Amino acid sequence: MPLPRVTILLPVLDEAAFIDPCLQSLAEQDYPGVMEVVIADGGSKDGTIKRAEAWSGALPNLRVIDNPKRIQSHGLNLAAGEATGEILIRADAHATYSTDYVLRSVETLLETGAAAVGGVQVASGNTRFGKAVAAAMAAPLAVGPARFRHAKERTETDTVYLGTFRKSDWERLGGWRTLPSGVAEDADFYFRWKEQGARILVEPRIESTYYPREKITSLWRQFFRYGIGKADMLYVNGRWPSWRPTAPLLLVTGLLTTVVLALTWSWWPLMALIAIWLGVLAVAARGRPLAILAAAVMHLAYGLGLLRGLLRWPAAVRAWVS
């Protein structure tokens, strides 16, 4: 039987530094069926689209559409709406994909009958700090025990990195929702699906490489928004898929509490908490200073973002969702 037609959904915004290796890895796919790529551009100003269009020869079914709202969830929905494939594969410009990525994704989806499947997110940096971030992302103590980061065998999970699913299921679910933070659309997407009894599987043989942020400021902004996004999910859905987000929240509230104690009573609680935290980071990062710094930035930014998000009025968050 011929394999189903596949559409790869690729939202972009100023990805000139990453779009060429991303599209090259897609052009090298060994998928024997028909494959198209739909790029939803949020108004790139750095030459991203010119670079992307240069791949039309290697990717004859490449199309570029506009994403006027510049938000990733909107771009994904627009691309999915334009898709001619029976199977949708969510992609990221900050990643490259093994030559059998599409084939393994489709085969796993069809073989298991799952609602969605995805691989493990393997990070790889290009600069010293980027490599430090990648090292931190490989450590459960630094970035959490989510299965889409650390699974060694096929297993059911609450969410996956990117993901592959049927277009008919995407239509029934209503696509991705836009949360006030502008992020967490994938976690929310799979959470709603799981609530309906769907099976979401992570398959480590679906291989891709993710290229993390390479500056402290951009890493901070990314994880701060991730924290706000988790608060969005709690207020919109009534609960989290797991209690993983509470760890950085407890860290930040503990630091704030012990700072107050230091100013009014004693410095020892603050010093003890920092010592324990740095000890955990040192173990997670295997003593590498830059990796310790990267993990600390992720913890603090995520925890502060989550705290910031929780301090909003829940009804206002729910009213904002589209």
Protein backbone atom coordinates (compact mmCIF):
# COMPACT_ATOMS: atom_id res chain seq x y z
CA MET A 1 0.00 0.00 0.00
CA PRO A 2 1.36 3.48 -0.81
CA LEU A 3 2.28 5.57 2.20
CA PRO A 4 0.02 8.57 2.93
CA ARG A 5 0.75 12.07 1.71
CA VAL A 6 2.56 14.10 4.38
CA THR A 7 2.61 17.85 5.09
CA ILE A 8 5.38 19.33 7.21
CA LEU A 9 4.30 22.47 9.10
CA LEU A 10 7.13 24.93 9.65
CA PRO A 11 6.42 28.29 11.37
CA VAL A 12 9.31 30.77 11.07
CA LEU A 13 10.27 34.29 12.09
CA ASP A 14 13.78 35.60 11.39
CA GLU A 15 15.42 32.17 11.17
CA ALA A 16 18.11 32.96 8.58
CA ALA A 17 20.79 31.40 10.79
CA PHE A 18 18.95 28.06 11.00
CA ILE A 19 16.67 27.68 7.97
CA ASP A 20 19.25 26.25 5.55
CA PRO A 21 20.33 23.23 7.65
CA CYS A 22 16.70 22.65 8.61
CA LEU A 23 15.47 22.54 5.01
CA GLN A 24 18.50 20.57 3.88
CA SER A 25 17.63 17.84 6.37
CA LEU A 26 14.04 17.84 5.09
CA ALA A 27 15.23 17.67 1.48
CA GLU A 28 17.29 14.58 2.38
CA GLN A 29 14.33 12.60 3.75
CA ASP A 30 14.03 9.05 2.43
CA TYR A 31 10.23 9.03 2.65
CA PRO A 32 8.90 7.16 -0.42
CA GLY A 33 5.50 8.85 -0.35
CA VAL A 34 4.54 12.40 -1.34
CA MET A 35 5.84 15.06 1.05
CA GLU A 36 5.17 18.81 1.07
CA VAL A 37 6.53 21.59 3.27
CA VAL A 38 4.34 24.58 4.22
CA ILE A 39 6.27 27.46 5.77
CA ALA A 40 4.22 30.04 7.71
CA ASP A 41 6.28 33.22 7.91
CA GLY A 42 5.56 35.80 10.60
CA GLY A 43 7.17 38.67 8.68
CA SER A 44 10.87 37.79 8.66
CA LYS A 45 13.21 40.70 7.94
CA ASP A 46 16.54 38.86 7.88
CA GLY A 47 16.32 37.05 4.53
CA THR A 48 14.76 33.87 5.90
CA ILE A 49 12.21 33.57 3.10
CA LYS A 50 14.72 34.26 0.32
CA ARG A 51 16.86 31.46 1.71
CA ALA A 52 13.84 29.18 2.05
CA GLU A 53 12.65 29.77 -1.51
CA ALA A 54 16.09 28.79 -2.78
CA TRP A 55 15.26 25.23 -1.66
CA SER A 56 12.26 24.92 -3.99
CA GLY A 57 14.32 22.83 -6.42
CA ALA A 58 15.24 20.26 -3.75
CA LEU A 59 11.79 20.53 -2.17
CA PRO A 60 9.42 20.86 -5.15
CA ASN A 61 6.33 20.84 -2.90
CA LEU A 62 7.56 23.78 -0.82
CA ARG A 63 5.11 26.63 -0.19
CA VAL A 64 5.43 29.84 1.81
CA ILE A 65 2.36 31.50 3.34
CA ASP A 66 1.98 34.63 5.47
CA ASN A 67 1.33 34.53 9.20
CA PRO A 68 0.17 38.13 9.78
CA LYS A 69 -0.38 37.70 13.54
CA ARG A 70 3.28 36.63 13.96
CA ILE A 71 2.33 34.10 16.66
CA GLN A 72 3.51 30.52 16.28
CA SER A 73 0.15 28.89 17.05
CA HIS A 74 -1.54 31.01 14.37
CA GLY A 75 1.17 30.09 11.87
CA LEU A 76 0.75 26.40 12.62
CA ASN A 77 -3.02 26.57 12.17
CA LEU A 78 -2.67 28.47 8.91
CA ALA A 79 -0.14 25.95 7.59
CA ALA A 80 -2.30 23.01 8.68
CA GLY A 81 -5.30 24.58 6.99
CA GLU A 82 -3.32 24.78 3.73
CA ALA A 83 -2.01 21.23 4.06
CA THR A 84 -2.93 18.66 1.41
CA GLY A 85 -1.42 15.77 3.37
CA GLU A 86 -3.35 13.19 5.35
CA ILE A 87 -0.56 13.26 7.95
CA LEU A 88 0.75 16.46 9.55
CA ILE A 89 4.27 16.70 10.93
CA ARG A 90 5.06 19.64 13.19
CA ALA A 91 8.58 21.00 12.59
CA ASP A 92 10.85 23.68 14.05
CA ALA A 93 13.43 25.77 12.19
CA HIS A 94 15.79 25.43 15.19
CA ALA A 95 16.15 21.72 14.44
CA THR A 96 17.50 19.28 11.87
CA TYR A 97 16.03 15.85 11.18
CA SER A 98 17.50 12.41 10.53
CA THR A 99 16.96 11.11 6.98
CA ASP A 100 14.34 8.62 8.21
CA TYR A 101 12.56 11.10 10.50
CA VAL A 102 9.41 11.39 8.37
CA LEU A 103 9.30 7.68 7.52
CA ARG A 104 9.71 6.56 11.15
CA SER A 105 7.14 9.11 12.30
CA VAL A 106 4.52 7.92 9.82
CA GLU A 107 5.27 4.22 10.37
CA THR A 108 5.05 4.59 14.17
CA LEU A 109 1.76 6.50 13.90
CA LEU A 110 0.20 3.89 11.61
CA GLU A 111 1.65 0.90 13.45
CA THR A 112 0.52 1.94 16.93
CA GLY A 113 -2.77 3.63 16.14
CA ALA A 114 -1.77 6.42 18.53
CA ALA A 115 -3.24 9.89 18.18
CA ALA A 116 0.22 11.45 17.96
CA VAL A 117 3.85 10.36 18.07
CA GLY A 118 7.11 12.21 18.48
CA GLY A 119 10.79 11.68 19.14
CA VAL A 120 13.21 12.70 21.86
CA GLN A 121 14.52 16.25 21.81
CA VAL A 122 18.33 16.02 21.58
CA ALA A 123 20.03 19.41 22.00
CA SER A 124 23.28 20.42 20.30
CA GLY A 125 24.97 23.83 20.55
CA ASN A 126 27.15 25.65 18.02
CA THR A 127 28.84 28.10 20.42
CA ARG A 128 30.42 27.60 23.86
CA PHE A 129 27.30 28.81 25.62
CA GLY A 130 25.03 26.95 23.20
CA LYS A 131 26.91 23.73 24.01
CA ALA A 132 26.53 24.48 27.72
CA VAL A 133 22.76 24.91 27.29
CA ALA A 134 22.63 21.62 25.37
CA ALA A 135 24.51 19.87 28.19
CA ALA A 136 22.09 21.27 30.75
CA MET A 137 19.12 20.15 28.65
CA ALA A 138 20.45 16.59 28.71
CA ALA A 139 20.34 16.46 32.53
CA PRO A 140 17.01 15.64 34.25
CA LEU A 141 18.06 17.58 37.36
CA ALA A 142 18.62 20.67 35.22
CA VAL A 143 15.62 20.64 32.90
CA GLY A 144 13.22 18.12 34.43
CA PRO A 145 12.36 14.46 33.75
CA ALA A 146 9.96 14.95 30.81
CA ARG A 147 9.87 11.79 28.70
CA PHE A 148 10.26 13.68 25.41
CA ARG A 149 13.75 14.65 26.60
CA HIS A 150 14.99 11.44 28.20
CA ALA A 151 12.99 8.37 27.04
CA LYS A 152 15.08 5.36 26.04
CA GLU A 153 12.22 3.26 24.69
CA ARG A 154 8.78 3.77 23.19
CA THR A 155 6.41 4.90 25.90
CA GLU A 156 3.19 6.82 26.47
CA THR A 157 3.61 10.43 27.60
CA ASP A 158 1.71 13.66 28.24
CA THR A 159 3.37 15.65 25.45
CA VAL A 160 6.00 15.22 22.74
CA TYR A 161 8.55 17.41 21.03
CA LEU A 162 6.90 18.62 17.79
CA GLY A 163 4.79 15.58 16.84
CA THR A 164 3.07 13.73 13.98
CA PHE A 165 -0.69 13.16 13.72
CA ARG A 166 -3.56 12.86 11.26
CA LYS A 167 -5.06 16.02 9.78
CA SER A 168 -8.56 14.71 10.46
CA ASP A 169 -7.72 14.48 14.17
CA TRP A 170 -6.24 17.99 14.14
CA GLU A 171 -9.52 19.25 12.65
CA ARG A 172 -11.62 17.47 15.28
CA LEU A 173 -9.52 18.93 18.07
CA GLY A 174 -9.82 22.43 16.63
CA GLY A 175 -6.11 23.01 16.09
CA TRP A 176 -3.72 24.86 18.38
CA ARG A 177 -4.99 27.50 20.79
CA THR A 178 -3.23 30.81 21.34
CA LEU A 179 -2.52 31.47 25.02
CA PRO A 180 -1.72 34.95 26.39
CA SER A 181 1.99 34.10 26.67
CA GLY A 182 2.15 33.17 22.98
CA VAL A 183 3.86 29.88 23.91
CA ALA A 184 2.92 26.46 25.36
CA GLU A 185 0.64 25.77 22.39
CA ASP A 186 2.03 22.25 21.94
CA ALA A 187 1.68 21.28 25.62
CA ASP A 188 -1.89 22.64 25.61
CA PHE A 189 -2.66 20.87 22.31
CA TYR A 190 -1.61 17.46 23.64
CA PHE A 191 -3.16 18.06 27.06
CA ARG A 192 -6.59 18.61 25.49
CA TRP A 193 -6.12 15.50 23.39
CA LYS A 194 -5.13 13.38 26.40
CA GLU A 195 -8.23 14.61 28.22
CA GLN A 196 -10.28 13.00 25.44
CA GLY A 197 -8.55 9.66 26.00
CA ALA A 198 -5.98 9.89 23.19
CA ARG A 199 -2.65 8.05 23.31
CA ILE A 200 0.47 10.20 22.83
CA LEU A 201 3.68 8.21 22.29
CA VAL A 202 7.35 9.12 22.35
CA GLU A 203 9.57 6.95 20.13
CA PRO A 204 13.33 7.59 20.58
CA ARG A 205 14.10 6.25 17.10
CA ILE A 206 12.39 9.33 15.64
CA GLU A 207 15.59 11.36 15.70
CA SER A 208 16.07 15.12 15.46
CA THR A 209 18.58 17.64 16.79
CA TYR A 210 17.47 20.86 18.46
CA TYR A 211 19.71 23.95 18.50
CA PRO A 212 19.09 25.94 21.71
CA ARG A 213 19.50 29.64 22.37
CA GLU A 214 23.13 30.78 22.34
CA LYS A 215 22.91 33.95 24.47
CA ILE A 216 22.03 34.28 28.13
CA THR A 217 19.47 37.01 27.42
CA SER A 218 17.64 35.03 24.75
CA LEU A 219 17.66 31.88 26.93
CA TRP A 220 16.25 33.91 29.82
CA ARG A 221 13.46 35.37 27.69
CA GLN A 222 12.60 31.94 26.28
CA PHE A 223 12.28 30.21 29.66
CA PHE A 224 10.56 33.18 31.30
CA ARG A 225 7.85 32.93 28.62
CA TYR A 226 7.72 29.15 29.10
CA GLY A 227 6.97 29.76 32.78
CA ILE A 228 4.15 32.19 31.96
CA GLY A 229 2.85 29.66 29.45
CA LYS A 230 2.57 27.00 32.16
CA ALA A 231 0.53 29.42 34.27
CA ASP A 232 -1.69 29.95 31.23
CA MET A 233 -2.26 26.21 31.01
CA LEU A 234 -3.20 25.93 34.67
CA TYR A 235 -5.76 28.73 34.48
CA VAL A 236 -7.20 27.64 31.13
CA ASN A 237 -7.36 23.87 31.74
CA GLY A 238 -7.80 23.76 35.52
CA ARG A 239 -4.70 21.66 36.11
CA TRP A 240 -1.28 20.77 34.72
CA PRO A 241 -0.48 17.53 32.88
CA SER A 242 2.16 16.90 35.58
CA TRP A 243 3.63 18.57 38.66
CA ARG A 244 7.03 19.19 37.02
CA PRO A 245 6.52 22.99 36.85
CA THR A 246 6.31 23.24 40.65
CA ALA A 247 10.04 22.55 41.13
CA PRO A 248 11.32 25.89 39.72
CA LEU A 249 8.35 27.66 41.33
CA LEU A 250 9.32 26.28 44.75
CA LEU A 251 12.92 27.31 44.13
CA VAL A 252 12.00 30.91 43.31
CA THR A 253 9.52 31.26 46.17
CA GLY A 254 12.10 29.72 48.51
CA LEU A 255 14.74 32.20 47.38
CA LEU A 256 12.36 35.14 47.78
CA THR A 257 11.28 33.96 51.24
CA THR A 258 14.85 33.44 52.47
CA VAL A 259 15.88 36.86 51.12
CA VAL A 260 13.18 38.38 53.33
CA LEU A 261 14.43 36.30 56.27
CA ALA A 262 17.98 37.44 55.55
CA LEU A 263 16.90 41.07 55.75
CA THR A 264 14.82 40.62 58.89
CA TRP A 265 16.42 37.74 60.80
CA SER A 266 19.34 35.66 59.51
CA TRP A 267 21.29 35.00 56.30
CA TRP A 268 21.72 31.29 57.05
CA PRO A 269 18.47 30.02 55.40
CA LEU A 270 19.33 31.87 52.18
CA MET A 271 22.93 30.66 52.15
CA ALA A 272 21.82 27.08 52.86
CA LEU A 273 19.25 27.11 50.06
CA ILE A 274 21.74 28.57 47.55
CA ALA A 275 24.35 25.99 48.58
CA ILE A 276 21.90 23.11 48.08
CA TRP A 277 20.73 24.52 44.74
CA LEU A 278 24.29 25.04 43.46
CA GLY A 279 25.16 21.52 44.59
CA VAL A 280 22.27 20.09 42.57
CA LEU A 281 23.30 22.18 39.55
CA ALA A 282 26.92 21.05 39.86
CA VAL A 283 25.86 17.40 39.87
CA ALA A 284 23.47 17.93 36.96
CA ALA A 285 26.06 19.83 34.90
CA ARG A 286 28.94 17.55 35.97
CA GLY A 287 30.82 20.50 37.35
CA ARG A 288 31.01 22.45 34.08
CA PRO A 289 30.72 26.16 34.98
CA LEU A 290 28.93 27.31 31.81
CA ALA A 291 26.45 24.44 32.01
CA ILE A 292 25.80 25.33 35.67
CA LEU A 293 25.14 28.92 34.58
CA ALA A 294 22.81 27.79 31.78
CA ALA A 295 20.83 25.52 34.13
CA ALA A 296 20.59 28.31 36.71
CA VAL A 297 19.24 30.72 34.10
CA MET A 298 16.62 28.17 33.02
CA HIS A 299 15.53 27.48 36.61
CA LEU A 300 15.27 31.12 37.64
CA ALA A 301 13.67 32.39 34.43
CA TYR A 302 11.09 29.59 34.34
CA GLY A 303 10.25 29.92 38.04
CA LEU A 304 9.91 33.71 37.88
CA GLY A 305 7.85 33.47 34.71
CA LEU A 306 5.53 30.94 36.32
CA LEU A 307 5.18 33.11 39.42
CA ARG A 308 4.50 36.15 37.26
CA GLY A 309 1.85 34.22 35.32
CA LEU A 310 0.14 32.95 38.48
CA LEU A 311 -0.22 36.49 39.82
CA ARG A 312 -2.67 37.37 37.02
CA TRP A 313 -6.46 37.12 37.31
CA PRO A 314 -7.48 33.60 36.08
CA ALA A 315 -10.71 34.76 34.42
CA ALA A 316 -8.81 37.33 32.37
CA VAL A 317 -6.41 34.63 31.13
CA ARG A 318 -9.28 32.34 30.13
CA ALA A 319 -11.08 35.18 28.36
CA TRP A 320 -7.98 35.95 26.29
CA VAL A 321 -7.55 32.45 24.82
CA SER A 322 -8.34 32.09 21.11
